[in-house]
Amino acid sequence: MSKAEQRAQMSEGAGFIAALDQSGGSTPKALALYGVDASGYNSDEEMFGEIQKMRARIILAEDFTKEKVIGAILFERTLGEEIEGKKVADYLWSVKNIVPFLKIDKGLEDQTNGVQMMKPIPGLAETLSKADGVFGTKERSVIHEANAQGIADVVAQQFEVARVVTDAGMVPIVEPEVNIHSETKAEAEDILKSEILKNLDQLAEGQEVMLKLTIPSQANLYDEVADHPRVLRVVALSGGYSTEQACDLLGKNGKMIASFSRALTEGLSKQQSDADFNAALGSNIDNIYRASI
């Protein structure tokens, strides 16, 4: 299948994007929720080995198919891992027909002007050139307050990185997350929408992005963003909401689909039998899928 087929699936496919991109900072918490505490590994190598086993178990599950999961975001280290003798990105597309994305940010700076900018991403062009079989990228910042300057800075930085990604022939997922616990969440989202539209208008013809956004306080706030000619798709992050909360809120936004991490893996445990694991994962997938269509 070609890039054109992958693009069509991301643009028009019914379903959601699985966020399987837990990094060094988020892996210990993800493993703890999965029933593997720090005593279960003695090094970063063993820790990453445990999270890869969890990812592989999810990807191999019978309900993890393109009929409901149209894309998956991977951590950079995962590109070197294998499932059934194939590199993970290759396995996702060639076996499961699920479009692979790569998380490229290196974490967050300390909070300034009510936001956390991305840390520098050294060697980005080289990373992109080696990302065999990957359709696009994902890069995350966080907005904590309705600070106009901070939000403008976050969005400008996101689109600067996005241009590097589009120049490499890939589609970036721009992710300026708004903290769901922010006391000025709705105001921040209004400012964010305005800044996103401003930056979208500055993209050249042929430059195309996706956006990964916190489910807004005002339903359908981002419809205008979704309809922009430079936008392939708008997806939603779960942001700490439970699966039930995230799906309920997402269902009120007709032009957003899910890209959930914690909500996808809620209730999963290493100690579960394969039957129980697959049943719990299948239930999560069904709930997220229904909220996305």
C-alpha atoms as a PDB file:
ATOM      1  CA  MET A   1       0.000   0.000   0.000  1.00  0.00           C
ATOM      2  CA  SER A   2       1.155   3.523  -0.775  1.00  0.00           C
ATOM      3  CA  LYS A   3       1.424   6.822   1.066  1.00  0.00           C
ATOM      4  CA  ALA A   4      -1.713   7.863  -0.804  1.00  0.00           C
ATOM      5  CA  GLU A   5      -3.587   4.928   0.706  1.00  0.00           C
ATOM      6  CA  GLN A   6      -2.271   5.787   4.156  1.00  0.00           C
ATOM      7  CA  ARG A   7      -3.317   9.406   3.686  1.00  0.00           C
ATOM      8  CA  ALA A   8      -6.799   8.352   2.606  1.00  0.00           C
ATOM      9  CA  GLN A   9      -7.132   6.162   5.679  1.00  0.00           C
ATOM     10  CA  MET A  10      -6.072   9.012   7.977  1.00  0.00           C
ATOM     11  CA  SER A  11      -8.312  11.519   6.222  1.00  0.00           C
ATOM     12  CA  GLU A  12     -11.466   9.463   5.829  1.00  0.00           C
ATOM     13  CA  GLY A  13     -11.140   6.273   7.862  1.00  0.00           C
ATOM     14  CA  ALA A  14     -13.642   5.502  10.594  1.00  0.00           C
ATOM     15  CA  GLY A  15     -11.878   4.821  13.856  1.00  0.00           C
ATOM     16  CA  PHE A  16      -9.195   6.311  16.085  1.00  0.00           C
ATOM     17  CA  ILE A  17      -5.445   6.604  16.577  1.00  0.00           C
ATOM     18  CA  ALA A  18      -3.901   4.547  19.375  1.00  0.00           C
ATOM     19  CA  ALA A  19      -1.268   6.465  21.342  1.00  0.00           C
ATOM     20  CA  LEU A  20       1.403   3.858  22.179  1.00  0.00           C
ATOM     21  CA  ASP A  21       4.200   6.393  22.566  1.00  0.00           C
ATOM     22  CA  GLN A  22       5.018   6.211  26.274  1.00  0.00           C
ATOM     23  CA  SER A  23       8.519   7.678  26.653  1.00  0.00           C
ATOM     24  CA  GLY A  24      11.146   7.485  29.379  1.00  0.00           C
ATOM     25  CA  GLY A  25       9.278   9.975  31.539  1.00  0.00           C
ATOM     26  CA  SER A  26       5.820   8.434  31.236  1.00  0.00           C
ATOM     27  CA  THR A  27       6.769   4.751  31.096  1.00  0.00           C
ATOM     28  CA  PRO A  28       7.089   4.119  34.884  1.00  0.00           C
ATOM     29  CA  LYS A  29       3.553   5.427  35.489  1.00  0.00           C
ATOM     30  CA  ALA A  30       2.153   3.486  32.539  1.00  0.00           C
ATOM     31  CA  LEU A  31       3.817   0.304  33.786  1.00  0.00           C
ATOM     32  CA  ALA A  32       2.572   0.856  37.333  1.00  0.00           C
ATOM     33  CA  LEU A  33      -0.994   1.120  36.033  1.00  0.00           C
ATOM     34  CA  TYR A  34      -0.315  -2.090  34.091  1.00  0.00           C
ATOM     35  CA  GLY A  35       0.687  -3.890  37.299  1.00  0.00           C
ATOM     36  CA  VAL A  36       4.465  -3.632  36.906  1.00  0.00           C
ATOM     37  CA  ASP A  37       5.989  -1.483  39.658  1.00  0.00           C
ATOM     38  CA  ALA A  38       9.604  -0.343  39.882  1.00  0.00           C
ATOM     39  CA  SER A  39      10.618  -3.575  41.614  1.00  0.00           C
ATOM     40  CA  GLY A  40       9.785  -5.407  38.403  1.00  0.00           C
ATOM     41  CA  TYR A  41      12.802  -4.018  36.535  1.00  0.00           C
ATOM     42  CA  ASN A  42      16.364  -3.072  37.483  1.00  0.00           C
ATOM     43  CA  SER A  43      17.412  -0.777  34.642  1.00  0.00           C
ATOM     44  CA  ASP A  44      16.060   1.474  31.904  1.00  0.00           C
ATOM     45  CA  GLU A  45      16.730  -1.363  29.481  1.00  0.00           C
ATOM     46  CA  GLU A  46      14.495  -3.726  31.443  1.00  0.00           C
ATOM     47  CA  MET A  47      11.865  -0.994  31.896  1.00  0.00           C
ATOM     48  CA  PHE A  48      11.671  -0.375  28.156  1.00  0.00           C
ATOM     49  CA  GLY A  49      11.550  -4.119  27.628  1.00  0.00           C
ATOM     50  CA  GLU A  50       8.469  -4.352  29.844  1.00  0.00           C
ATOM     51  CA  ILE A  51       6.650  -1.516  28.073  1.00  0.00           C
ATOM     52  CA  GLN A  52       7.463  -3.084  24.701  1.00  0.00           C
ATOM     53  CA  LYS A  53       5.896  -6.352  25.864  1.00  0.00           C
ATOM     54  CA  MET A  54       2.779  -4.387  26.810  1.00  0.00           C
ATOM     55  CA  ARG A  55       2.679  -2.628  23.432  1.00  0.00           C
ATOM     56  CA  ALA A  56       3.160  -5.880  21.560  1.00  0.00           C
ATOM     57  CA  ARG A  57       0.362  -7.511  23.560  1.00  0.00           C
ATOM     58  CA  ILE A  58      -1.964  -4.653  22.587  1.00  0.00           C
ATOM     59  CA  ILE A  59      -0.958  -4.668  18.923  1.00  0.00           C
ATOM     60  CA  LEU A  60      -1.328  -8.450  18.650  1.00  0.00           C
ATOM     61  CA  ALA A  61      -4.798  -8.437  20.234  1.00  0.00           C
ATOM     62  CA  GLU A  62      -7.582  -9.594  17.917  1.00  0.00           C
ATOM     63  CA  ASP A  63      -9.597  -6.370  18.342  1.00  0.00           C
ATOM     64  CA  PHE A  64      -6.625  -4.156  17.460  1.00  0.00           C
ATOM     65  CA  THR A  65      -7.425  -3.924  13.751  1.00  0.00           C
ATOM     66  CA  LYS A  66      -7.855  -1.235  11.098  1.00  0.00           C
ATOM     67  CA  GLU A  67     -11.625  -1.619  11.330  1.00  0.00           C
ATOM     68  CA  LYS A  68     -11.472   0.464  14.513  1.00  0.00           C
ATOM     69  CA  VAL A  69      -7.835   1.559  14.939  1.00  0.00           C
ATOM     70  CA  ILE A  70      -6.695   3.496  11.867  1.00  0.00           C
ATOM     71  CA  GLY A  71      -3.335   4.694  13.194  1.00  0.00           C
ATOM     72  CA  ALA A  72      -0.858   4.224  16.044  1.00  0.00           C
ATOM     73  CA  ILE A  73       1.775   6.553  17.521  1.00  0.00           C
ATOM     74  CA  LEU A  74       5.091   4.978  18.531  1.00  0.00           C
ATOM     75  CA  PHE A  75       8.004   6.038  20.739  1.00  0.00           C
ATOM     76  CA  GLU A  76      11.285   6.402  18.808  1.00  0.00           C
ATOM     77  CA  ARG A  77      12.899   3.468  20.583  1.00  0.00           C
ATOM     78  CA  THR A  78       9.991   1.271  19.438  1.00  0.00           C
ATOM     79  CA  LEU A  79      11.062   1.623  15.794  1.00  0.00           C
ATOM     80  CA  GLY A  80      13.981  -0.687  16.517  1.00  0.00           C
ATOM     81  CA  GLU A  81      11.791  -3.326  18.191  1.00  0.00           C
ATOM     82  CA  GLU A  82      10.144  -6.245  16.400  1.00  0.00           C
ATOM     83  CA  ILE A  83       6.838  -8.098  16.501  1.00  0.00           C
ATOM     84  CA  GLU A  84       6.782 -11.548  14.919  1.00  0.00           C
ATOM     85  CA  GLY A  85      10.053 -10.873  13.108  1.00  0.00           C
ATOM     86  CA  LYS A  86       9.013  -7.514  11.623  1.00  0.00           C
ATOM     87  CA  LYS A  87       9.918  -4.002  12.744  1.00  0.00           C
ATOM     88  CA  VAL A  88       6.965  -2.581  14.673  1.00  0.00           C
ATOM     89  CA  ALA A  89       6.106   0.127  12.118  1.00  0.00           C
ATOM     90  CA  ASP A  90       6.275  -2.413   9.297  1.00  0.00           C
ATOM     91  CA  TYR A  91       4.150  -4.887  11.262  1.00  0.00           C
ATOM     92  CA  LEU A  92       1.497  -2.252  11.960  1.00  0.00           C
ATOM     93  CA  TRP A  93       1.069  -1.408   8.283  1.00  0.00           C
ATOM     94  CA  SER A  94       1.886  -4.640   6.435  1.00  0.00           C
ATOM     95  CA  VAL A  95       0.004  -6.979   8.785  1.00  0.00           C
ATOM     96  CA  LYS A  96      -2.581  -4.829  10.577  1.00  0.00           C
ATOM     97  CA  ASN A  97      -3.024  -2.056   7.963  1.00  0.00           C
ATOM     98  CA  ILE A  98      -2.693   0.517  10.754  1.00  0.00           C
ATOM     99  CA  VAL A  99      -0.838   3.736   9.867  1.00  0.00           C
ATOM    100  CA  PRO A 100       2.303   4.297  11.993  1.00  0.00           C
ATOM    101  CA  PHE A 101       3.338   7.653  13.465  1.00  0.00           C
ATOM    102  CA  LEU A 102       6.458   8.597  15.456  1.00  0.00           C
ATOM    103  CA  LYS A 103       6.622  10.726  18.604  1.00  0.00           C
ATOM    104  CA  ILE A 104       9.537  13.118  18.008  1.00  0.00           C
ATOM    105  CA  ASP A 105       9.499  15.603  20.885  1.00  0.00           C
ATOM    106  CA  LYS A 106      12.092  15.266  23.650  1.00  0.00           C
ATOM    107  CA  GLY A 107       9.917  16.397  26.523  1.00  0.00           C
ATOM    108  CA  LEU A 108       8.920  19.764  27.947  1.00  0.00           C
ATOM    109  CA  GLU A 109      10.687  22.854  29.198  1.00  0.00           C
ATOM    110  CA  ASP A 110       9.780  24.325  32.592  1.00  0.00           C
ATOM    111  CA  GLN A 111       6.626  26.408  32.683  1.00  0.00           C
ATOM    112  CA  THR A 112       6.912  29.988  31.421  1.00  0.00           C
ATOM    113  CA  ASN A 113       4.043  32.354  30.560  1.00  0.00           C
ATOM    114  CA  GLY A 114       1.589  29.670  31.594  1.00  0.00           C
ATOM    115  CA  VAL A 115       2.868  27.090  29.077  1.00  0.00           C
ATOM    116  CA  GLN A 116       5.493  24.419  28.618  1.00  0.00           C
ATOM    117  CA  MET A 117       7.331  24.629  25.322  1.00  0.00           C
ATOM    118  CA  MET A 118       9.023  21.650  23.705  1.00  0.00           C
ATOM    119  CA  LYS A 119      12.660  21.053  24.493  1.00  0.00           C
ATOM    120  CA  PRO A 120      14.996  21.289  21.477  1.00  0.00           C
ATOM    121  CA  ILE A 121      14.844  18.287  19.119  1.00  0.00           C
ATOM    122  CA  PRO A 122      18.445  17.700  18.013  1.00  0.00           C
ATOM    123  CA  GLY A 123      19.039  15.731  14.832  1.00  0.00           C
ATOM    124  CA  LEU A 124      15.395  15.912  13.785  1.00  0.00           C
ATOM    125  CA  ALA A 125      16.040  15.813  10.038  1.00  0.00           C
ATOM    126  CA  GLU A 126      18.234  12.712  10.463  1.00  0.00           C
ATOM    127  CA  THR A 127      15.633  11.023  12.669  1.00  0.00           C
ATOM    128  CA  LEU A 128      12.971  11.619  10.044  1.00  0.00           C
ATOM    129  CA  SER A 129      15.180  10.309   7.258  1.00  0.00           C
ATOM    130  CA  LYS A 130      15.642   7.030   9.164  1.00  0.00           C
ATOM    131  CA  ALA A 131      11.983   6.578  10.132  1.00  0.00           C
ATOM    132  CA  ASP A 132      11.303   3.818   7.617  1.00  0.00           C
ATOM    133  CA  GLY A 133       7.647   3.098   6.996  1.00  0.00           C
ATOM    134  CA  VAL A 134       6.406   5.936   9.198  1.00  0.00           C
ATOM    135  CA  PHE A 135       3.665   8.170   7.793  1.00  0.00           C
ATOM    136  CA  GLY A 136       3.885  11.078  10.218  1.00  0.00           C
ATOM    137  CA  THR A 137       5.023  12.427  13.555  1.00  0.00           C
ATOM    138  CA  LYS A 138       3.612  13.719  16.826  1.00  0.00           C
ATOM    139  CA  GLU A 139       5.028  16.500  18.988  1.00  0.00           C
ATOM    140  CA  ARG A 140       3.536  17.744  22.287  1.00  0.00           C
ATOM    141  CA  SER A 141       3.491  21.013  24.225  1.00  0.00           C
ATOM    142  CA  VAL A 142       1.268  21.886  27.206  1.00  0.00           C
ATOM    143  CA  ILE A 143      -0.822  24.974  27.938  1.00  0.00           C
ATOM    144  CA  HIS A 144      -1.711  25.560  31.597  1.00  0.00           C
ATOM    145  CA  GLU A 145      -3.200  29.062  31.517  1.00  0.00           C
ATOM    146  CA  ALA A 146      -4.986  31.442  29.157  1.00  0.00           C
ATOM    147  CA  ASN A 147      -1.808  33.444  28.572  1.00  0.00           C
ATOM    148  CA  ALA A 148      -1.936  34.927  25.076  1.00  0.00           C
ATOM    149  CA  GLN A 149       1.842  35.287  24.665  1.00  0.00           C
ATOM    150  CA  GLY A 150       2.558  31.805  25.962  1.00  0.00           C
ATOM    151  CA  ILE A 151      -0.041  30.198  23.700  1.00  0.00           C
ATOM    152  CA  ALA A 152       1.215  32.132  20.672  1.00  0.00           C
ATOM    153  CA  ASP A 153       4.769  30.931  21.435  1.00  0.00           C
ATOM    154  CA  VAL A 154       3.652  27.299  21.775  1.00  0.00           C
ATOM    155  CA  VAL A 155       1.772  27.304  18.486  1.00  0.00           C
ATOM    156  CA  ALA A 156       4.573  29.097  16.621  1.00  0.00           C
ATOM    157  CA  GLN A 157       7.093  26.520  17.853  1.00  0.00           C
ATOM    158  CA  GLN A 158       4.782  23.660  16.926  1.00  0.00           C
ATOM    159  CA  PHE A 159       4.370  24.917  13.363  1.00  0.00           C
ATOM    160  CA  GLU A 160       8.104  25.551  13.023  1.00  0.00           C
ATOM    161  CA  VAL A 161       8.703  21.871  13.765  1.00  0.00           C
ATOM    162  CA  ALA A 162       5.766  20.897  11.551  1.00  0.00           C
ATOM    163  CA  ARG A 163       7.436  22.548   8.550  1.00  0.00           C
ATOM    164  CA  VAL A 164      10.563  20.432   9.061  1.00  0.00           C
ATOM    165  CA  VAL A 165       8.353  17.336   9.103  1.00  0.00           C
ATOM    166  CA  THR A 166       6.399  18.282   5.978  1.00  0.00           C
ATOM    167  CA  ASP A 167       9.685  19.066   4.197  1.00  0.00           C
ATOM    168  CA  ALA A 168      10.672  15.455   4.925  1.00  0.00           C
ATOM    169  CA  GLY A 169       7.513  14.251   3.177  1.00  0.00           C
ATOM    170  CA  MET A 170       5.680  13.303   6.357  1.00  0.00           C
ATOM    171  CA  VAL A 171       2.524  14.546   8.086  1.00  0.00           C
ATOM    172  CA  PRO A 172       2.999  16.103  11.541  1.00  0.00           C
ATOM    173  CA  ILE A 173       0.473  15.799  14.343  1.00  0.00           C
ATOM    174  CA  VAL A 174       0.679  19.184  16.078  1.00  0.00           C
ATOM    175  CA  GLU A 175      -0.234  18.697  19.766  1.00  0.00           C
ATOM    176  CA  PRO A 176      -0.643  21.820  21.924  1.00  0.00           C
ATOM    177  CA  GLU A 177      -2.411  20.128  24.845  1.00  0.00           C
ATOM    178  CA  VAL A 178      -4.526  22.239  27.197  1.00  0.00           C
ATOM    179  CA  ASN A 179      -4.373  21.018  30.795  1.00  0.00           C
ATOM    180  CA  ILE A 180      -7.845  19.665  31.644  1.00  0.00           C
ATOM    181  CA  HIS A 181      -7.463  20.994  35.203  1.00  0.00           C
ATOM    182  CA  SER A 182      -6.702  24.569  34.120  1.00  0.00           C
ATOM    183  CA  GLU A 183      -8.968  27.152  35.767  1.00  0.00           C
ATOM    184  CA  THR A 184      -8.908  29.080  32.473  1.00  0.00           C
ATOM    185  CA  LYS A 185      -9.294  26.085  30.136  1.00  0.00           C
ATOM    186  CA  ALA A 186     -12.132  27.504  28.008  1.00  0.00           C
ATOM    187  CA  GLU A 187     -10.408  30.880  27.614  1.00  0.00           C
ATOM    188  CA  ALA A 188      -7.127  29.164  26.713  1.00  0.00           C
ATOM    189  CA  GLU A 189      -8.895  27.123  24.049  1.00  0.00           C
ATOM    190  CA  ASP A 190     -10.378  30.221  22.435  1.00  0.00           C
ATOM    191  CA  ILE A 191      -6.915  31.780  22.197  1.00  0.00           C
ATOM    192  CA  LEU A 192      -5.450  28.497  20.968  1.00  0.00           C
ATOM    193  CA  LYS A 193      -8.011  28.169  18.193  1.00  0.00           C
ATOM    194  CA  SER A 194      -7.225  31.683  16.957  1.00  0.00           C
ATOM    195  CA  GLU A 195      -3.457  31.024  16.955  1.00  0.00           C
ATOM    196  CA  ILE A 196      -3.866  27.686  15.182  1.00  0.00           C
ATOM    197  CA  LEU A 197      -5.961  29.241  12.420  1.00  0.00           C
ATOM    198  CA  LYS A 198      -3.446  32.053  12.010  1.00  0.00           C
ATOM    199  CA  ASN A 199      -0.586  29.578  11.579  1.00  0.00           C
ATOM    200  CA  LEU A 200      -2.582  27.302   9.290  1.00  0.00           C
ATOM    201  CA  ASP A 201      -3.207  30.246   6.975  1.00  0.00           C
ATOM    202  CA  GLN A 202       0.565  30.721   6.693  1.00  0.00           C
ATOM    203  CA  LEU A 203       1.226  27.193   5.452  1.00  0.00           C
ATOM    204  CA  ALA A 204       2.056  26.830   1.785  1.00  0.00           C
ATOM    205  CA  GLU A 205      -0.039  24.786  -0.604  1.00  0.00           C
ATOM    206  CA  GLY A 206       0.937  21.149  -0.228  1.00  0.00           C
ATOM    207  CA  GLN A 207       1.858  21.533   3.439  1.00  0.00           C
ATOM    208  CA  GLU A 208      -0.600  19.515   5.510  1.00  0.00           C
ATOM    209  CA  VAL A 209      -0.916  18.862   9.240  1.00  0.00           C
ATOM    210  CA  MET A 210      -3.039  16.998  11.712  1.00  0.00           C
ATOM    211  CA  LEU A 211      -3.862  18.404  15.130  1.00  0.00           C
ATOM    212  CA  LYS A 212      -4.140  16.592  18.453  1.00  0.00           C
ATOM    213  CA  LEU A 213      -6.113  18.709  20.888  1.00  0.00           C
ATOM    214  CA  THR A 214      -7.656  18.471  24.325  1.00  0.00           C
ATOM    215  CA  ILE A 215     -11.409  17.849  24.096  1.00  0.00           C
ATOM    216  CA  PRO A 216     -12.728  21.430  24.310  1.00  0.00           C
ATOM    217  CA  SER A 217     -15.000  22.855  27.001  1.00  0.00           C
ATOM    218  CA  GLN A 218     -17.227  24.228  24.223  1.00  0.00           C
ATOM    219  CA  ALA A 219     -18.424  21.355  22.041  1.00  0.00           C
ATOM    220  CA  ASN A 220     -17.384  21.584  18.371  1.00  0.00           C
ATOM    221  CA  LEU A 221     -15.070  24.530  19.059  1.00  0.00           C
ATOM    222  CA  TYR A 222     -12.521  23.184  16.591  1.00  0.00           C
ATOM    223  CA  ASP A 223     -14.874  22.531  13.654  1.00  0.00           C
ATOM    224  CA  GLU A 224     -13.383  25.493  11.771  1.00  0.00           C
ATOM    225  CA  VAL A 225      -9.915  24.026  12.304  1.00  0.00           C
ATOM    226  CA  ALA A 226     -11.061  20.606  11.048  1.00  0.00           C
ATOM    227  CA  ASP A 227     -12.475  22.221   7.902  1.00  0.00           C
ATOM    228  CA  HIS A 228      -9.279  24.139   7.079  1.00  0.00           C
ATOM    229  CA  PRO A 229      -7.761  23.060   3.723  1.00  0.00           C
ATOM    230  CA  ARG A 230      -4.333  22.482   5.325  1.00  0.00           C
ATOM    231  CA  VAL A 231      -5.734  20.084   7.960  1.00  0.00           C
ATOM    232  CA  LEU A 232      -5.911  16.350   7.305  1.00  0.00           C
ATOM    233  CA  ARG A 233      -7.672  15.435  10.585  1.00  0.00           C
ATOM    234  CA  VAL A 234      -8.268  16.715  14.099  1.00  0.00           C
ATOM    235  CA  VAL A 235      -7.844  14.148  16.862  1.00  0.00           C
ATOM    236  CA  ALA A 236      -8.462  14.357  20.589  1.00  0.00           C
ATOM    237  CA  LEU A 237      -6.241  13.407  23.510  1.00  0.00           C
ATOM    238  CA  SER A 238      -7.727  11.912  26.666  1.00  0.00           C
ATOM    239  CA  GLY A 239      -5.693  14.201  28.917  1.00  0.00           C
ATOM    240  CA  GLY A 240      -6.214  12.261  32.115  1.00  0.00           C
ATOM    241  CA  TYR A 241      -9.937  11.712  31.740  1.00  0.00           C
ATOM    242  CA  SER A 242     -11.197   8.179  32.360  1.00  0.00           C
ATOM    243  CA  THR A 243     -12.222   6.182  29.303  1.00  0.00           C
ATOM    244  CA  GLU A 244     -15.895   6.834  30.087  1.00  0.00           C
ATOM    245  CA  GLN A 245     -15.398  10.591  30.563  1.00  0.00           C
ATOM    246  CA  ALA A 246     -13.195  10.959  27.491  1.00  0.00           C
ATOM    247  CA  CYS A 247     -15.591   9.043  25.260  1.00  0.00           C
ATOM    248  CA  ASP A 248     -18.614  10.961  26.564  1.00  0.00           C
ATOM    249  CA  LEU A 249     -16.957  14.331  25.902  1.00  0.00           C
ATOM    250  CA  LEU A 250     -15.544  13.278  22.535  1.00  0.00           C
ATOM    251  CA  GLY A 251     -18.975  12.116  21.391  1.00  0.00           C
ATOM    252  CA  LYS A 252     -20.144  15.739  21.574  1.00  0.00           C
ATOM    253  CA  ASN A 253     -17.508  16.863  19.030  1.00  0.00           C
ATOM    254  CA  GLY A 254     -18.526  15.666  15.582  1.00  0.00           C
ATOM    255  CA  LYS A 255     -15.308  16.516  13.725  1.00  0.00           C
ATOM    256  CA  MET A 256     -12.789  15.022  16.175  1.00  0.00           C
ATOM    257  CA  ILE A 257     -11.682  11.402  16.507  1.00  0.00           C
ATOM    258  CA  ALA A 258      -9.780   9.927  19.432  1.00  0.00           C
ATOM    259  CA  SER A 259      -6.057   9.524  19.932  1.00  0.00           C
ATOM    260  CA  PHE A 260      -6.075   8.081  23.423  1.00  0.00           C
ATOM    261  CA  SER A 261      -3.302   6.556  25.543  1.00  0.00           C
ATOM    262  CA  ARG A 262      -4.377   6.210  29.167  1.00  0.00           C
ATOM    263  CA  ALA A 263      -8.018   5.724  28.195  1.00  0.00           C
ATOM    264  CA  LEU A 264      -7.007   2.973  25.764  1.00  0.00           C
ATOM    265  CA  THR A 265      -5.023   1.017  28.366  1.00  0.00           C
ATOM    266  CA  GLU A 266      -7.369   1.575  31.306  1.00  0.00           C
ATOM    267  CA  GLY A 267      -8.019  -1.641  33.195  1.00  0.00           C
ATOM    268  CA  LEU A 268      -5.275  -3.632  31.465  1.00  0.00           C
ATOM    269  CA  SER A 269      -2.869  -5.666  33.607  1.00  0.00           C
ATOM    270  CA  LYS A 270       0.149  -7.843  32.982  1.00  0.00           C
ATOM    271  CA  GLN A 271      -1.357 -10.362  35.374  1.00  0.00           C
ATOM    272  CA  GLN A 272      -4.524 -10.840  33.300  1.00  0.00           C
ATOM    273  CA  SER A 273      -5.018 -13.958  31.255  1.00  0.00           C
ATOM    274  CA  ASP A 274      -4.979 -13.339  27.514  1.00  0.00           C
ATOM    275  CA  ALA A 275      -8.749 -13.794  27.454  1.00  0.00           C
ATOM    276  CA  ASP A 276      -9.325 -11.206  30.198  1.00  0.00           C
ATOM    277  CA  PHE A 277      -6.760  -8.819  28.710  1.00  0.00           C
ATOM    278  CA  ASN A 278      -8.313  -9.037  25.256  1.00  0.00           C
ATOM    279  CA  ALA A 279     -11.809  -8.570  26.667  1.00  0.00           C
ATOM    280  CA  ALA A 280     -10.807  -5.440  28.598  1.00  0.00           C
ATOM    281  CA  LEU A 281      -8.885  -3.999  25.647  1.00  0.00           C
ATOM    282  CA  GLY A 282     -11.705  -4.863  23.256  1.00  0.00           C
ATOM    283  CA  SER A 283     -14.202  -3.051  25.460  1.00  0.00           C
ATOM    284  CA  ASN A 284     -11.984   0.058  25.536  1.00  0.00           C
ATOM    285  CA  ILE A 285     -11.510  -0.078  21.764  1.00  0.00           C
ATOM    286  CA  ASP A 286     -15.252  -0.421  21.179  1.00  0.00           C
ATOM    287  CA  ASN A 287     -16.050   2.536  23.459  1.00  0.00           C
ATOM    288  CA  ILE A 288     -13.406   4.773  21.872  1.00  0.00           C
ATOM    289  CA  TYR A 289     -14.444   3.731  18.363  1.00  0.00           C
ATOM    290  CA  ARG A 290     -18.104   4.550  19.011  1.00  0.00           C
ATOM    291  CA  ALA A 291     -17.158   7.986  20.323  1.00  0.00           C
ATOM    292  CA  SER A 292     -15.015   8.615  17.228  1.00  0.00           C
ATOM    293  CA  ILE A 293     -17.604   7.924  14.529  1.00  0.00           C
END
